[in-house]
Amino acid sequence: MPMLFDVMKSPERPPHGLVQAILLAGLVLSHGILSAADTPARRLLFTEYGKGPNRFVELGPDGRIAWEFRPPSITVIFQVLPNGNIVFGYGGQPTGVREITSRGVTVFDHVSRSMQVFGCERLPNGNTLVAEQGPCQAVEVNPAGTVVSVTPLTTRVEGYHLEVRNVHKLPNGNILAAHEGEGAVREVDPRGAVVWEYTGVTNAGEALRLPNGNTLVCCGTQKRLIEVTPSKQVAWEFKAEDDPELNITWVSSVQRLKNGNLLVGNFLRGQEGRGAHAFEITPSKKVVWKWTDHSLVSSITTVRALGE
C-alpha cells in the first residue's frame, strides 16, 4: 500500500491516533470487509445455493448479514411483498409455496401435488401463482390453498426438474414463464396457448415484461441480459464483455428498480471466489455498484433490493 507506506515514512509524522486509524482502514480494506464493493448501500435479500448452504440472507447497507433463514428444502426463487413478507417455492418432499415474515414466521403454506416447485408469485388479488414441475403448469391458489385455476405451460425439456422457473401473471391475464431447461421464455393465455415466445437462450431463469412492452430475459450461462421487443429483436444487451471484472457466469435474476436501473444476480457456479454476486447497472450500462464479498457466501441465485 504505497500511500500508507509514505505516511509512515514521512518526517512530519501525523498524530499517533491518525496513524492508527490509517492502519485500521488499510487492514479492513485488505480483508474486503468494508470495501466499496462490499457495501452496496442498499438492503439486499438473496438466496445462497451451490457450494454454500441453501439459505436466505438479508444484507444490510453496510455489507454485513442482518438476518438469515434456512428454508425447508431447495429454494432458489422468492418474492418480497410490500409488507416485507417473503413468498418462496420449496422443492423437496413435500414441495410447495410458503410465505414467511421478514424474520421467518410462517403465515401461509401451500403443499403442491406436483413433483417440484421453485417459481411463484403473489398476485394483486391475494392469490398465489405456483409454477409446478411434473406436470408443467401454472396453478393459482387462493389464501385458503384452494386451486382456482390451472394453466398448462409448454416446454420440450425432458425431466421435471428444469421445466419452469419464474412465472409472472401479466395485466392481460396471460402468464409469462421462463423455461430454464429449454432456454425459452413463453407467454401463454389462460388456456395455455402460446401467444409469444423467445427461444435460443440458455438457463432462462427469469423474464420480466416491461412497461414499454419489451421483455427482459436472463440468459443464464450465455452470460448476458437482454431486452427483447415483441417482434423478437434485441433492443438492449448487457454481456460479460461489457465489464469483465464482474466475471459474469450465470445471469440468474433481474429486478427493475424505482430509479430505472437493474439489479442483476450473478450465480457464480463453478466460479466461486471471484467476481460479483450482484450488481446494479443503468440503462447506459454503467455499473453503479457491485457486491463481491466471498467471505459471506459462495454463490447466490435470486437477489432483490428491499424497499423497492
C-alpha atoms as a PDB file:
ATOM      1  CA  MET A   1       0.000   0.000   0.000  1.00  0.00           C
ATOM      2  CA  PRO A   2       2.213   2.906  -1.217  1.00  0.00           C
ATOM      3  CA  MET A   3       0.153   5.704   0.322  1.00  0.00           C
ATOM      4  CA  LEU A   4       0.166   4.091   3.738  1.00  0.00           C
ATOM      5  CA  PHE A   5       3.895   3.417   3.430  1.00  0.00           C
ATOM      6  CA  ASP A   6       4.568   7.069   2.511  1.00  0.00           C
ATOM      7  CA  VAL A   7       2.660   8.362   5.527  1.00  0.00           C
ATOM      8  CA  MET A   8       4.576   6.132   7.887  1.00  0.00           C
ATOM      9  CA  LYS A   9       7.929   7.250   6.441  1.00  0.00           C
ATOM     10  CA  SER A  10       7.155  10.962   6.370  1.00  0.00           C
ATOM     11  CA  PRO A  11       9.486  13.127   8.514  1.00  0.00           C
ATOM     12  CA  GLU A  12       6.461  15.045   9.742  1.00  0.00           C
ATOM     13  CA  ARG A  13       4.583  12.136  11.236  1.00  0.00           C
ATOM     14  CA  PRO A  14       0.852  12.638  11.850  1.00  0.00           C
ATOM     15  CA  PRO A  15      -0.602  12.235  15.331  1.00  0.00           C
ATOM     16  CA  HIS A  16      -0.487   8.684  16.716  1.00  0.00           C
ATOM     17  CA  GLY A  17      -4.286   8.350  16.608  1.00  0.00           C
ATOM     18  CA  LEU A  18      -4.375   9.220  12.934  1.00  0.00           C
ATOM     19  CA  VAL A  19      -1.700   6.631  12.164  1.00  0.00           C
ATOM     20  CA  GLN A  20      -3.754   4.001  13.977  1.00  0.00           C
ATOM     21  CA  ALA A  21      -6.853   4.973  12.024  1.00  0.00           C
ATOM     22  CA  ILE A  22      -4.999   4.708   8.722  1.00  0.00           C
ATOM     23  CA  LEU A  23      -3.583   1.330   9.656  1.00  0.00           C
ATOM     24  CA  LEU A  24      -7.015   0.064  10.664  1.00  0.00           C
ATOM     25  CA  ALA A  25      -8.541   1.311   7.419  1.00  0.00           C
ATOM     26  CA  GLY A  26      -5.840  -0.463   5.437  1.00  0.00           C
ATOM     27  CA  LEU A  27      -6.414  -3.688   7.360  1.00  0.00           C
ATOM     28  CA  VAL A  28     -10.161  -3.559   6.843  1.00  0.00           C
ATOM     29  CA  LEU A  29      -9.841  -2.869   3.134  1.00  0.00           C
ATOM     30  CA  SER A  30      -7.261  -5.599   2.668  1.00  0.00           C
ATOM     31  CA  HIS A  31      -9.687  -8.150   4.147  1.00  0.00           C
ATOM     32  CA  GLY A  32     -12.598  -6.995   1.991  1.00  0.00           C
ATOM     33  CA  ILE A  33     -14.838  -6.265   4.984  1.00  0.00           C
ATOM     34  CA  LEU A  34     -15.784  -2.685   4.302  1.00  0.00           C
ATOM     35  CA  SER A  35     -14.514  -2.141   0.786  1.00  0.00           C
ATOM     36  CA  ALA A  36     -16.729  -0.178  -1.590  1.00  0.00           C
ATOM     37  CA  ALA A  37     -17.561  -3.345  -3.479  1.00  0.00           C
ATOM     38  CA  ASP A  38     -18.919  -4.939  -0.303  1.00  0.00           C
ATOM     39  CA  THR A  39     -21.095  -2.065   0.879  1.00  0.00           C
ATOM     40  CA  PRO A  40     -23.977  -1.894  -1.610  1.00  0.00           C
ATOM     41  CA  ALA A  41     -25.671   0.983   0.275  1.00  0.00           C
ATOM     42  CA  ARG A  42     -28.908  -0.988  -0.095  1.00  0.00           C
ATOM     43  CA  ARG A  43     -30.637  -3.657   1.921  1.00  0.00           C
ATOM     44  CA  LEU A  44     -30.430  -6.850  -0.113  1.00  0.00           C
ATOM     45  CA  LEU A  45     -32.147 -10.193   0.270  1.00  0.00           C
ATOM     46  CA  PHE A  46     -30.803 -13.196  -1.594  1.00  0.00           C
ATOM     47  CA  THR A  47     -30.794 -16.972  -1.647  1.00  0.00           C
ATOM     48  CA  GLU A  48     -27.492 -18.762  -1.367  1.00  0.00           C
ATOM     49  CA  TYR A  49     -27.338 -22.023  -3.293  1.00  0.00           C
ATOM     50  CA  GLY A  50     -24.492 -24.214  -4.512  1.00  0.00           C
ATOM     51  CA  LYS A  51     -21.353 -24.994  -2.531  1.00  0.00           C
ATOM     52  CA  GLY A  52     -22.626 -22.959   0.413  1.00  0.00           C
ATOM     53  CA  PRO A  53     -25.733 -23.702   2.493  1.00  0.00           C
ATOM     54  CA  ASN A  54     -29.160 -23.167   0.941  1.00  0.00           C
ATOM     55  CA  ARG A  55     -30.414 -20.159   2.894  1.00  0.00           C
ATOM     56  CA  PHE A  56     -31.944 -16.706   2.773  1.00  0.00           C
ATOM     57  CA  VAL A  57     -29.591 -13.899   3.741  1.00  0.00           C
ATOM     58  CA  GLU A  58     -30.507 -10.276   4.376  1.00  0.00           C
ATOM     59  CA  LEU A  59     -27.563  -7.974   3.854  1.00  0.00           C
ATOM     60  CA  GLY A  60     -27.524  -4.526   5.425  1.00  0.00           C
ATOM     61  CA  PRO A  61     -26.296  -1.395   3.605  1.00  0.00           C
ATOM     62  CA  ASP A  62     -23.021  -1.827   5.497  1.00  0.00           C
ATOM     63  CA  GLY A  63     -22.414  -5.185   3.822  1.00  0.00           C
ATOM     64  CA  ARG A  64     -22.998  -7.223   6.966  1.00  0.00           C
ATOM     65  CA  ILE A  65     -25.528 -10.029   7.488  1.00  0.00           C
ATOM     66  CA  ALA A  66     -28.642  -8.729   9.260  1.00  0.00           C
ATOM     67  CA  TRP A  67     -30.680 -11.970   9.156  1.00  0.00           C
ATOM     68  CA  GLU A  68     -30.606 -15.459   7.707  1.00  0.00           C
ATOM     69  CA  PHE A  69     -33.142 -18.248   7.371  1.00  0.00           C
ATOM     70  CA  ARG A  70     -32.919 -21.879   6.267  1.00  0.00           C
ATOM     71  CA  PRO A  71     -35.873 -22.946   4.055  1.00  0.00           C
ATOM     72  CA  PRO A  72     -37.429 -26.424   4.441  1.00  0.00           C
ATOM     73  CA  SER A  73     -35.854 -27.648   1.187  1.00  0.00           C
ATOM     74  CA  ILE A  74     -34.293 -26.345  -2.034  1.00  0.00           C
ATOM     75  CA  THR A  75     -35.164 -22.691  -2.618  1.00  0.00           C
ATOM     76  CA  VAL A  76     -33.773 -20.576  -5.439  1.00  0.00           C
ATOM     77  CA  ILE A  77     -36.567 -18.075  -6.212  1.00  0.00           C
ATOM     78  CA  PHE A  78     -38.587 -15.726  -3.999  1.00  0.00           C
ATOM     79  CA  GLN A  79     -40.691 -12.578  -3.953  1.00  0.00           C
ATOM     80  CA  VAL A  80     -40.654  -9.802  -1.351  1.00  0.00           C
ATOM     81  CA  LEU A  81     -44.137  -8.455  -0.623  1.00  0.00           C
ATOM     82  CA  PRO A  82     -44.918  -4.784   0.130  1.00  0.00           C
ATOM     83  CA  ASN A  83     -45.367  -5.624   3.837  1.00  0.00           C
ATOM     84  CA  GLY A  84     -41.902  -7.165   3.960  1.00  0.00           C
ATOM     85  CA  ASN A  85     -43.044 -10.782   3.977  1.00  0.00           C
ATOM     86  CA  ILE A  86     -41.315 -13.286   1.697  1.00  0.00           C
ATOM     87  CA  VAL A  87     -43.027 -15.766  -0.625  1.00  0.00           C
ATOM     88  CA  PHE A  88     -40.900 -18.628  -1.929  1.00  0.00           C
ATOM     89  CA  GLY A  89     -41.160 -22.012  -3.581  1.00  0.00           C
ATOM     90  CA  TYR A  90     -39.510 -25.008  -1.983  1.00  0.00           C
ATOM     91  CA  GLY A  91     -38.583 -28.078  -3.973  1.00  0.00           C
ATOM     92  CA  GLY A  92     -38.269 -31.045  -1.649  1.00  0.00           C
ATOM     93  CA  GLN A  93     -40.694 -33.686  -0.434  1.00  0.00           C
ATOM     94  CA  PRO A  94     -43.223 -32.289   0.145  1.00  0.00           C
ATOM     95  CA  THR A  95     -42.965 -29.329  -2.202  1.00  0.00           C
ATOM     96  CA  GLY A  96     -44.943 -26.119  -2.453  1.00  0.00           C
ATOM     97  CA  VAL A  97     -45.028 -22.405  -1.674  1.00  0.00           C
ATOM     98  CA  ARG A  98     -44.609 -20.737   1.685  1.00  0.00           C
ATOM     99  CA  GLU A  99     -44.971 -17.178   2.962  1.00  0.00           C
ATOM    100  CA  ILE A 100     -42.937 -16.081   5.962  1.00  0.00           C
ATOM    101  CA  THR A 101     -42.491 -12.798   7.782  1.00  0.00           C
ATOM    102  CA  SER A 102     -39.242 -10.901   7.424  1.00  0.00           C
ATOM    103  CA  ARG A 103     -37.945 -12.876  10.387  1.00  0.00           C
ATOM    104  CA  GLY A 104     -39.083 -16.354   9.450  1.00  0.00           C
ATOM    105  CA  VAL A 105     -42.557 -16.886  10.920  1.00  0.00           C
ATOM    106  CA  THR A 106     -44.766 -18.928   8.560  1.00  0.00           C
ATOM    107  CA  VAL A 107     -48.092 -17.274   7.706  1.00  0.00           C
ATOM    108  CA  PHE A 108     -49.050 -19.278   4.582  1.00  0.00           C
ATOM    109  CA  ASP A 109     -48.048 -22.717   3.332  1.00  0.00           C
ATOM    110  CA  HIS A 110     -49.428 -24.457   0.265  1.00  0.00           C
ATOM    111  CA  VAL A 111     -48.296 -28.029  -0.377  1.00  0.00           C
ATOM    112  CA  SER A 112     -48.317 -28.928  -4.071  1.00  0.00           C
ATOM    113  CA  ARG A 113     -49.220 -32.291  -5.576  1.00  0.00           C
ATOM    114  CA  SER A 114     -46.591 -31.838  -8.287  1.00  0.00           C
ATOM    115  CA  MET A 115     -43.078 -33.246  -8.320  1.00  0.00           C
ATOM    116  CA  GLN A 116     -41.349 -29.923  -7.603  1.00  0.00           C
ATOM    117  CA  VAL A 117     -41.985 -26.187  -7.171  1.00  0.00           C
ATOM    118  CA  PHE A 118     -39.451 -23.375  -7.405  1.00  0.00           C
ATOM    119  CA  GLY A 119     -41.250 -20.422  -9.018  1.00  0.00           C
ATOM    120  CA  CYS A 120     -44.151 -18.500  -7.513  1.00  0.00           C
ATOM    121  CA  GLU A 121     -45.771 -15.072  -7.387  1.00  0.00           C
ATOM    122  CA  ARG A 122     -48.271 -13.381  -5.067  1.00  0.00           C
ATOM    123  CA  LEU A 123     -50.943 -11.772  -7.211  1.00  0.00           C
ATOM    124  CA  PRO A 124     -52.706  -8.430  -6.613  1.00  0.00           C
ATOM    125  CA  ASN A 125     -55.957 -10.278  -5.759  1.00  0.00           C
ATOM    126  CA  GLY A 126     -54.234 -12.072  -2.870  1.00  0.00           C
ATOM    127  CA  ASN A 127     -53.964 -15.414  -4.642  1.00  0.00           C
ATOM    128  CA  THR A 128     -50.646 -17.122  -5.293  1.00  0.00           C
ATOM    129  CA  LEU A 129     -49.346 -18.300  -8.655  1.00  0.00           C
ATOM    130  CA  VAL A 130     -47.430 -21.576  -8.347  1.00  0.00           C
ATOM    131  CA  ALA A 131     -45.049 -22.827 -11.053  1.00  0.00           C
ATOM    132  CA  GLU A 132     -45.424 -26.587 -10.855  1.00  0.00           C
ATOM    133  CA  GLN A 133     -42.999 -29.062 -12.404  1.00  0.00           C
ATOM    134  CA  GLY A 134     -44.264 -32.530 -13.207  1.00  0.00           C
ATOM    135  CA  PRO A 135     -46.661 -31.677 -14.758  1.00  0.00           C
ATOM    136  CA  CYS A 136     -45.502 -28.300 -16.072  1.00  0.00           C
ATOM    137  CA  GLN A 137     -48.272 -25.839 -15.280  1.00  0.00           C
ATOM    138  CA  ALA A 138     -49.122 -22.585 -13.505  1.00  0.00           C
ATOM    139  CA  VAL A 139     -51.604 -23.134 -10.685  1.00  0.00           C
ATOM    140  CA  GLU A 140     -53.403 -20.272  -8.966  1.00  0.00           C
ATOM    141  CA  VAL A 141     -54.442 -20.907  -5.368  1.00  0.00           C
ATOM    142  CA  ASN A 142     -56.405 -18.670  -3.019  1.00  0.00           C
ATOM    143  CA  PRO A 143     -55.338 -17.779   0.564  1.00  0.00           C
ATOM    144  CA  ALA A 144     -57.086 -20.920   1.808  1.00  0.00           C
ATOM    145  CA  GLY A 145     -54.923 -23.024  -0.513  1.00  0.00           C
ATOM    146  CA  THR A 146     -57.796 -23.946  -2.839  1.00  0.00           C
ATOM    147  CA  VAL A 147     -56.892 -24.243  -6.530  1.00  0.00           C
ATOM    148  CA  VAL A 148     -58.898 -21.709  -8.537  1.00  0.00           C
ATOM    149  CA  SER A 149     -57.269 -22.145 -11.969  1.00  0.00           C
ATOM    150  CA  VAL A 150     -54.712 -24.274 -13.809  1.00  0.00           C
ATOM    151  CA  THR A 151     -52.845 -23.088 -16.908  1.00  0.00           C
ATOM    152  CA  PRO A 152     -50.791 -25.659 -18.881  1.00  0.00           C
ATOM    153  CA  LEU A 153     -47.287 -24.463 -19.743  1.00  0.00           C
ATOM    154  CA  THR A 154     -45.432 -25.575 -22.852  1.00  0.00           C
ATOM    155  CA  THR A 155     -41.868 -26.889 -22.733  1.00  0.00           C
ATOM    156  CA  ARG A 156     -39.968 -29.523 -24.656  1.00  0.00           C
ATOM    157  CA  VAL A 157     -37.438 -30.304 -21.942  1.00  0.00           C
ATOM    158  CA  GLU A 158     -37.346 -33.861 -20.622  1.00  0.00           C
ATOM    159  CA  GLY A 159     -37.452 -34.399 -16.866  1.00  0.00           C
ATOM    160  CA  TYR A 160     -39.402 -32.235 -14.446  1.00  0.00           C
ATOM    161  CA  HIS A 161     -36.504 -30.541 -12.608  1.00  0.00           C
ATOM    162  CA  LEU A 162     -35.838 -27.877 -15.278  1.00  0.00           C
ATOM    163  CA  GLU A 163     -39.323 -27.435 -16.720  1.00  0.00           C
ATOM    164  CA  VAL A 164     -40.104 -23.948 -15.393  1.00  0.00           C
ATOM    165  CA  ARG A 165     -38.662 -21.315 -13.088  1.00  0.00           C
ATOM    166  CA  ASN A 166     -40.078 -17.825 -12.599  1.00  0.00           C
ATOM    167  CA  VAL A 167     -43.673 -17.117 -13.608  1.00  0.00           C
ATOM    168  CA  HIS A 168     -45.481 -13.786 -13.778  1.00  0.00           C
ATOM    169  CA  LYS A 169     -49.131 -13.037 -14.444  1.00  0.00           C
ATOM    170  CA  LEU A 170     -49.442 -10.146 -16.896  1.00  0.00           C
ATOM    171  CA  PRO A 171     -52.097  -7.396 -16.767  1.00  0.00           C
ATOM    172  CA  ASN A 172     -53.846  -9.012 -19.755  1.00  0.00           C
ATOM    173  CA  GLY A 173     -54.328 -12.230 -17.767  1.00  0.00           C
ATOM    174  CA  ASN A 174     -51.669 -14.167 -19.640  1.00  0.00           C
ATOM    175  CA  ILE A 175     -48.713 -15.828 -17.942  1.00  0.00           C
ATOM    176  CA  LEU A 176     -45.061 -15.200 -18.745  1.00  0.00           C
ATOM    177  CA  ALA A 177     -42.903 -18.225 -17.908  1.00  0.00           C
ATOM    178  CA  ALA A 178     -39.158 -18.851 -18.019  1.00  0.00           C
ATOM    179  CA  HIS A 179     -38.300 -22.416 -19.018  1.00  0.00           C
ATOM    180  CA  GLU A 180     -34.742 -22.927 -17.823  1.00  0.00           C
ATOM    181  CA  GLY A 181     -34.061 -26.379 -19.217  1.00  0.00           C
ATOM    182  CA  GLU A 182     -35.218 -25.483 -22.699  1.00  0.00           C
ATOM    183  CA  GLY A 183     -33.776 -21.976 -22.695  1.00  0.00           C
ATOM    184  CA  ALA A 184     -37.089 -20.400 -23.664  1.00  0.00           C
ATOM    185  CA  VAL A 185     -39.480 -17.697 -22.489  1.00  0.00           C
ATOM    186  CA  ARG A 186     -43.164 -18.064 -23.358  1.00  0.00           C
ATOM    187  CA  GLU A 187     -46.325 -16.062 -22.866  1.00  0.00           C
ATOM    188  CA  VAL A 188     -49.441 -18.210 -22.751  1.00  0.00           C
ATOM    189  CA  ASP A 189     -53.118 -17.327 -22.482  1.00  0.00           C
ATOM    190  CA  PRO A 190     -55.327 -18.742 -19.695  1.00  0.00           C
ATOM    191  CA  ARG A 191     -55.944 -21.889 -21.765  1.00  0.00           C
ATOM    192  CA  GLY A 192     -52.215 -22.462 -22.201  1.00  0.00           C
ATOM    193  CA  ALA A 193     -51.990 -21.451 -25.869  1.00  0.00           C
ATOM    194  CA  VAL A 194     -48.619 -19.856 -26.704  1.00  0.00           C
ATOM    195  CA  VAL A 195     -49.104 -16.265 -27.884  1.00  0.00           C
ATOM    196  CA  TRP A 196     -45.441 -15.176 -27.805  1.00  0.00           C
ATOM    197  CA  GLU A 197     -42.083 -16.843 -27.258  1.00  0.00           C
ATOM    198  CA  TYR A 198     -38.379 -16.170 -27.359  1.00  0.00           C
ATOM    199  CA  THR A 199     -36.030 -19.134 -27.622  1.00  0.00           C
ATOM    200  CA  GLY A 200     -32.349 -19.821 -28.142  1.00  0.00           C
ATOM    201  CA  VAL A 201     -31.103 -18.671 -24.742  1.00  0.00           C
ATOM    202  CA  THR A 202     -29.611 -20.891 -22.038  1.00  0.00           C
ATOM    203  CA  ASN A 203     -30.774 -21.446 -18.465  1.00  0.00           C
ATOM    204  CA  ALA A 204     -33.514 -18.825 -18.692  1.00  0.00           C
ATOM    205  CA  GLY A 205     -34.450 -18.490 -15.039  1.00  0.00           C
ATOM    206  CA  GLU A 206     -36.306 -15.195 -15.120  1.00  0.00           C
ATOM    207  CA  ALA A 207     -38.099 -12.934 -17.588  1.00  0.00           C
ATOM    208  CA  LEU A 208     -39.889  -9.646 -16.918  1.00  0.00           C
ATOM    209  CA  ARG A 209     -42.377  -7.805 -19.113  1.00  0.00           C
ATOM    210  CA  LEU A 210     -41.502  -4.098 -19.111  1.00  0.00           C
ATOM    211  CA  PRO A 211     -43.977  -1.189 -19.270  1.00  0.00           C
ATOM    212  CA  ASN A 212     -42.882  -0.497 -22.867  1.00  0.00           C
ATOM    213  CA  GLY A 213     -43.989  -3.980 -23.910  1.00  0.00           C
ATOM    214  CA  ASN A 214     -40.483  -5.389 -24.245  1.00  0.00           C
ATOM    215  CA  THR A 215     -39.286  -8.378 -22.220  1.00  0.00           C
ATOM    216  CA  LEU A 216     -36.154  -8.618 -20.086  1.00  0.00           C
ATOM    217  CA  VAL A 217     -34.603 -12.076 -20.275  1.00  0.00           C
ATOM    218  CA  CYS A 218     -31.894 -13.529 -18.039  1.00  0.00           C
ATOM    219  CA  CYS A 219     -29.803 -15.614 -20.422  1.00  0.00           C
ATOM    220  CA  GLY A 220     -28.097 -17.741 -17.796  1.00  0.00           C
ATOM    221  CA  THR A 221     -24.829 -19.264 -18.953  1.00  0.00           C
ATOM    222  CA  GLN A 222     -24.883 -17.211 -22.139  1.00  0.00           C
ATOM    223  CA  LYS A 223     -23.616 -14.594 -19.670  1.00  0.00           C
ATOM    224  CA  ARG A 224     -25.919 -11.808 -20.804  1.00  0.00           C
ATOM    225  CA  LEU A 225     -29.106  -9.936 -20.022  1.00  0.00           C
ATOM    226  CA  ILE A 226     -31.227  -8.850 -22.967  1.00  0.00           C
ATOM    227  CA  GLU A 227     -34.302  -6.728 -23.663  1.00  0.00           C
ATOM    228  CA  VAL A 228     -36.389  -8.179 -26.473  1.00  0.00           C
ATOM    229  CA  THR A 229     -39.110  -6.416 -28.452  1.00  0.00           C
ATOM    230  CA  PRO A 230     -42.476  -8.051 -29.275  1.00  0.00           C
ATOM    231  CA  SER A 231     -41.022  -8.715 -32.751  1.00  0.00           C
ATOM    232  CA  LYS A 232     -38.138 -10.598 -31.052  1.00  0.00           C
ATOM    233  CA  GLN A 233     -35.442  -8.048 -31.815  1.00  0.00           C
ATOM    234  CA  VAL A 234     -32.769  -7.433 -29.180  1.00  0.00           C
ATOM    235  CA  ALA A 235     -33.230  -3.774 -28.227  1.00  0.00           C
ATOM    236  CA  TRP A 236     -30.646  -3.729 -25.416  1.00  0.00           C
ATOM    237  CA  GLU A 237     -27.999  -6.088 -24.126  1.00  0.00           C
ATOM    238  CA  PHE A 238     -25.525  -6.321 -21.269  1.00  0.00           C
ATOM    239  CA  LYS A 239     -22.986  -9.110 -21.589  1.00  0.00           C
ATOM    240  CA  ALA A 240     -19.857 -10.357 -19.862  1.00  0.00           C
ATOM    241  CA  GLU A 241     -17.581  -8.393 -22.198  1.00  0.00           C
ATOM    242  CA  ASP A 242     -19.162  -5.111 -21.097  1.00  0.00           C
ATOM    243  CA  ASP A 243     -17.467  -5.410 -17.690  1.00  0.00           C
ATOM    244  CA  PRO A 244     -15.009  -8.328 -17.419  1.00  0.00           C
ATOM    245  CA  GLU A 245     -14.300  -7.582 -13.738  1.00  0.00           C
ATOM    246  CA  LEU A 246     -17.822  -8.710 -12.842  1.00  0.00           C
ATOM    247  CA  ASN A 247     -16.959 -12.244 -14.002  1.00  0.00           C
ATOM    248  CA  ILE A 248     -20.500 -12.789 -15.256  1.00  0.00           C
ATOM    249  CA  THR A 249     -21.005 -16.531 -15.026  1.00  0.00           C
ATOM    250  CA  TRP A 250     -24.747 -17.199 -14.931  1.00  0.00           C
ATOM    251  CA  VAL A 251     -27.261 -14.337 -15.115  1.00  0.00           C
ATOM    252  CA  SER A 252     -29.836 -15.748 -12.717  1.00  0.00           C
ATOM    253  CA  SER A 253     -32.143 -12.893 -11.666  1.00  0.00           C
ATOM    254  CA  VAL A 254     -33.085  -9.322 -12.500  1.00  0.00           C
ATOM    255  CA  GLN A 255     -35.070  -6.645 -10.683  1.00  0.00           C
ATOM    256  CA  ARG A 256     -36.089  -3.316 -12.187  1.00  0.00           C
ATOM    257  CA  LEU A 257     -35.557  -0.646  -9.538  1.00  0.00           C
ATOM    258  CA  LYS A 258     -37.584   2.508  -8.987  1.00  0.00           C
ATOM    259  CA  ASN A 259     -34.775   4.623 -10.412  1.00  0.00           C
ATOM    260  CA  GLY A 260     -34.924   2.675 -13.678  1.00  0.00           C
ATOM    261  CA  ASN A 261     -31.702   0.776 -13.055  1.00  0.00           C
ATOM    262  CA  LEU A 262     -31.437  -3.003 -12.976  1.00  0.00           C
ATOM    263  CA  LEU A 263     -30.283  -5.185 -10.088  1.00  0.00           C
ATOM    264  CA  VAL A 264     -28.717  -8.327 -11.550  1.00  0.00           C
ATOM    265  CA  GLY A 265     -27.910 -11.587  -9.786  1.00  0.00           C
ATOM    266  CA  ASN A 266     -24.774 -13.420 -10.944  1.00  0.00           C
ATOM    267  CA  PHE A 267     -24.770 -17.116  -9.968  1.00  0.00           C
ATOM    268  CA  LEU A 268     -21.059 -17.926  -9.625  1.00  0.00           C
ATOM    269  CA  ARG A 269     -21.470 -21.656 -10.040  1.00  0.00           C
ATOM    270  CA  GLY A 270     -18.056 -23.126 -10.764  1.00  0.00           C
ATOM    271  CA  GLN A 271     -16.501 -19.671 -10.336  1.00  0.00           C
ATOM    272  CA  GLU A 272     -16.839 -19.349  -6.568  1.00  0.00           C
ATOM    273  CA  GLY A 273     -14.434 -16.869  -5.030  1.00  0.00           C
ATOM    274  CA  ARG A 274     -14.122 -14.415  -7.899  1.00  0.00           C
ATOM    275  CA  GLY A 275     -16.417 -11.814  -9.419  1.00  0.00           C
ATOM    276  CA  ALA A 276     -19.572 -10.035  -8.318  1.00  0.00           C
ATOM    277  CA  HIS A 277     -22.545 -11.788  -6.734  1.00  0.00           C
ATOM    278  CA  ALA A 278     -24.798  -8.870  -7.639  1.00  0.00           C
ATOM    279  CA  PHE A 279     -24.522  -5.518  -9.362  1.00  0.00           C
ATOM    280  CA  GLU A 280     -26.654  -2.525 -10.331  1.00  0.00           C
ATOM    281  CA  ILE A 281     -26.460  -1.087 -13.835  1.00  0.00           C
ATOM    282  CA  THR A 282     -28.000   1.939 -15.529  1.00  0.00           C
ATOM    283  CA  PRO A 283     -29.750   1.831 -18.916  1.00  0.00           C
ATOM    284  CA  SER A 284     -26.469   3.177 -20.361  1.00  0.00           C
ATOM    285  CA  LYS A 285     -24.698   0.073 -18.936  1.00  0.00           C
ATOM    286  CA  LYS A 286     -22.811   1.911 -16.212  1.00  0.00           C
ATOM    287  CA  VAL A 287     -22.159  -0.266 -13.146  1.00  0.00           C
ATOM    288  CA  VAL A 288     -23.347   1.777 -10.155  1.00  0.00           C
ATOM    289  CA  TRP A 289     -22.110  -0.705  -7.567  1.00  0.00           C
ATOM    290  CA  LYS A 290     -21.210  -4.358  -7.246  1.00  0.00           C
ATOM    291  CA  TRP A 291     -21.129  -6.728  -4.291  1.00  0.00           C
ATOM    292  CA  THR A 292     -18.154  -9.102  -4.241  1.00  0.00           C
ATOM    293  CA  ASP A 293     -17.770 -10.354  -0.672  1.00  0.00           C
ATOM    294  CA  HIS A 294     -16.857 -14.060  -0.893  1.00  0.00           C
ATOM    295  CA  SER A 295     -16.258 -14.434   2.822  1.00  0.00           C
ATOM    296  CA  LEU A 296     -20.011 -14.399   3.492  1.00  0.00           C
ATOM    297  CA  VAL A 297     -21.406 -16.510   0.644  1.00  0.00           C
ATOM    298  CA  SER A 298     -20.216 -18.774  -2.164  1.00  0.00           C
ATOM    299  CA  SER A 299     -22.896 -18.242  -4.827  1.00  0.00           C
ATOM    300  CA  ILE A 300     -26.392 -16.805  -4.999  1.00  0.00           C
ATOM    301  CA  THR A 301     -29.379 -17.288  -7.277  1.00  0.00           C
ATOM    302  CA  THR A 302     -32.107 -14.662  -6.752  1.00  0.00           C
ATOM    303  CA  VAL A 303     -31.283 -11.240  -5.296  1.00  0.00           C
ATOM    304  CA  ARG A 304     -33.700  -8.406  -4.520  1.00  0.00           C
ATOM    305  CA  ALA A 305     -33.245  -4.880  -3.186  1.00  0.00           C
ATOM    306  CA  LEU A 306     -35.593  -4.360  -0.258  1.00  0.00           C
ATOM    307  CA  GLY A 307     -37.853  -1.314  -0.183  1.00  0.00           C
ATOM    308  CA  GLU A 308     -38.410  -1.462  -3.941  1.00  0.00           C
END
